[in-house]
Amino acid sequence: METKKVEIPAELYGKIEKRAKETGFDSVDKYVTFVLEELLKELEKESEEEFELSEEEERKIKERLRALGYID
């Protein structure tokens, strides 16, 4: 897998290093990769949920579109 470098403040690196050791990760890189992947998964899930309509919401939208003559 191709990798890229990211610079972060030394103080933050120290906190991450401590947390990585406490949680059993072999390296800061592996811990940061794991955390970022999990965060992105959660954000993508939340983003998808924002666009899901309940049956009631969908019914109301269709009623409005019918009233405006956009659908039959």
C-alpha atoms as a PDB file:
ATOM      1  CA  MET A   1       0.000   0.000   0.000  1.00  0.00           C
ATOM      2  CA  GLU A   2       1.315   3.433  -0.935  1.00  0.00           C
ATOM      3  CA  THR A   3       1.684   5.813   1.993  1.00  0.00           C
ATOM      4  CA  LYS A   4       1.989   9.577   2.408  1.00  0.00           C
ATOM      5  CA  LYS A   5       3.454  11.639   5.229  1.00  0.00           C
ATOM      6  CA  VAL A   6       1.473  14.069   7.371  1.00  0.00           C
ATOM      7  CA  GLU A   7       3.014  16.530   9.806  1.00  0.00           C
ATOM      8  CA  ILE A   8       1.444  17.064  13.203  1.00  0.00           C
ATOM      9  CA  PRO A   9       2.595  19.026  16.252  1.00  0.00           C
ATOM     10  CA  ALA A  10       5.067  17.170  18.479  1.00  0.00           C
ATOM     11  CA  GLU A  11       2.829  17.564  21.523  1.00  0.00           C
ATOM     12  CA  LEU A  12      -0.069  15.870  19.707  1.00  0.00           C
ATOM     13  CA  TYR A  13       2.255  13.132  18.463  1.00  0.00           C
ATOM     14  CA  GLY A  14       3.258  12.422  22.059  1.00  0.00           C
ATOM     15  CA  LYS A  15      -0.377  12.058  23.124  1.00  0.00           C
ATOM     16  CA  ILE A  16      -1.100   9.774  20.187  1.00  0.00           C
ATOM     17  CA  GLU A  17       1.998   7.702  20.901  1.00  0.00           C
ATOM     18  CA  LYS A  18       0.890   7.202  24.501  1.00  0.00           C
ATOM     19  CA  ARG A  19      -2.618   6.239  23.435  1.00  0.00           C
ATOM     20  CA  ALA A  20      -1.289   3.837  20.779  1.00  0.00           C
ATOM     21  CA  LYS A  21       0.808   2.018  23.369  1.00  0.00           C
ATOM     22  CA  GLU A  22      -2.104   1.855  25.825  1.00  0.00           C
ATOM     23  CA  THR A  23      -4.339   0.280  23.207  1.00  0.00           C
ATOM     24  CA  GLY A  24      -1.825  -2.268  21.943  1.00  0.00           C
ATOM     25  CA  PHE A  25      -0.839  -0.753  18.607  1.00  0.00           C
ATOM     26  CA  ASP A  26       2.676  -1.406  17.329  1.00  0.00           C
ATOM     27  CA  SER A  27       3.154   2.118  16.037  1.00  0.00           C
ATOM     28  CA  VAL A  28       1.700   5.588  15.912  1.00  0.00           C
ATOM     29  CA  ASP A  29       1.196   5.167  12.154  1.00  0.00           C
ATOM     30  CA  LYS A  30      -0.975   2.073  12.623  1.00  0.00           C
ATOM     31  CA  TYR A  31      -2.996   3.735  15.387  1.00  0.00           C
ATOM     32  CA  VAL A  32      -3.595   6.932  13.407  1.00  0.00           C
ATOM     33  CA  THR A  33      -4.579   4.924  10.326  1.00  0.00           C
ATOM     34  CA  PHE A  34      -7.056   2.884  12.365  1.00  0.00           C
ATOM     35  CA  VAL A  35      -8.581   5.931  14.064  1.00  0.00           C
ATOM     36  CA  LEU A  36      -8.944   7.863  10.815  1.00  0.00           C
ATOM     37  CA  GLU A  37     -10.495   4.897   9.000  1.00  0.00           C
ATOM     38  CA  GLU A  38     -13.036   4.442  11.806  1.00  0.00           C
ATOM     39  CA  LEU A  39     -13.833   8.151  11.883  1.00  0.00           C
ATOM     40  CA  LEU A  40     -14.349   8.276   8.117  1.00  0.00           C
ATOM     41  CA  LYS A  41     -16.609   5.206   8.220  1.00  0.00           C
ATOM     42  CA  GLU A  42     -18.740   6.878  10.888  1.00  0.00           C
ATOM     43  CA  LEU A  43     -18.925  10.152   8.961  1.00  0.00           C
ATOM     44  CA  GLU A  44     -19.931   8.340   5.769  1.00  0.00           C
ATOM     45  CA  LYS A  45     -22.615   6.429   7.681  1.00  0.00           C
ATOM     46  CA  GLU A  46     -23.974   9.659   9.196  1.00  0.00           C
ATOM     47  CA  SER A  47     -23.945  11.322   5.792  1.00  0.00           C
ATOM     48  CA  GLU A  48     -25.975   8.469   4.285  1.00  0.00           C
ATOM     49  CA  GLU A  49     -28.459   8.573   7.176  1.00  0.00           C
ATOM     50  CA  GLU A  50     -29.065  12.302   6.651  1.00  0.00           C
ATOM     51  CA  PHE A  51     -30.599  11.581   3.252  1.00  0.00           C
ATOM     52  CA  GLU A  52     -32.843   8.724   4.296  1.00  0.00           C
ATOM     53  CA  LEU A  53     -36.494   9.730   4.475  1.00  0.00           C
ATOM     54  CA  SER A  54     -39.085   8.141   6.671  1.00  0.00           C
ATOM     55  CA  GLU A  55     -42.223   6.813   4.978  1.00  0.00           C
ATOM     56  CA  GLU A  56     -44.147   9.778   6.394  1.00  0.00           C
ATOM     57  CA  GLU A  57     -41.625  12.305   5.029  1.00  0.00           C
ATOM     58  CA  GLU A  58     -41.706  10.649   1.623  1.00  0.00           C
ATOM     59  CA  ARG A  59     -45.529  10.672   1.614  1.00  0.00           C
ATOM     60  CA  LYS A  60     -45.638  14.391   2.449  1.00  0.00           C
ATOM     61  CA  ILE A  61     -43.143  15.241  -0.287  1.00  0.00           C
ATOM     62  CA  LYS A  62     -45.156  13.284  -2.848  1.00  0.00           C
ATOM     63  CA  GLU A  63     -48.343  15.064  -1.731  1.00  0.00           C
ATOM     64  CA  ARG A  64     -46.678  18.453  -2.222  1.00  0.00           C
ATOM     65  CA  LEU A  65     -45.357  17.472  -5.651  1.00  0.00           C
ATOM     66  CA  ARG A  66     -48.830  16.259  -6.687  1.00  0.00           C
ATOM     67  CA  ALA A  67     -50.421  19.492  -5.442  1.00  0.00           C
ATOM     68  CA  LEU A  68     -47.917  21.471  -7.502  1.00  0.00           C
ATOM     69  CA  GLY A  69     -48.622  19.317 -10.561  1.00  0.00           C
ATOM     70  CA  TYR A  70     -45.150  17.800 -10.835  1.00  0.00           C
ATOM     71  CA  ILE A  71     -46.325  14.184 -10.440  1.00  0.00           C
ATOM     72  CA  ASP A  72     -49.624  12.376 -10.955  1.00  0.00           C
END
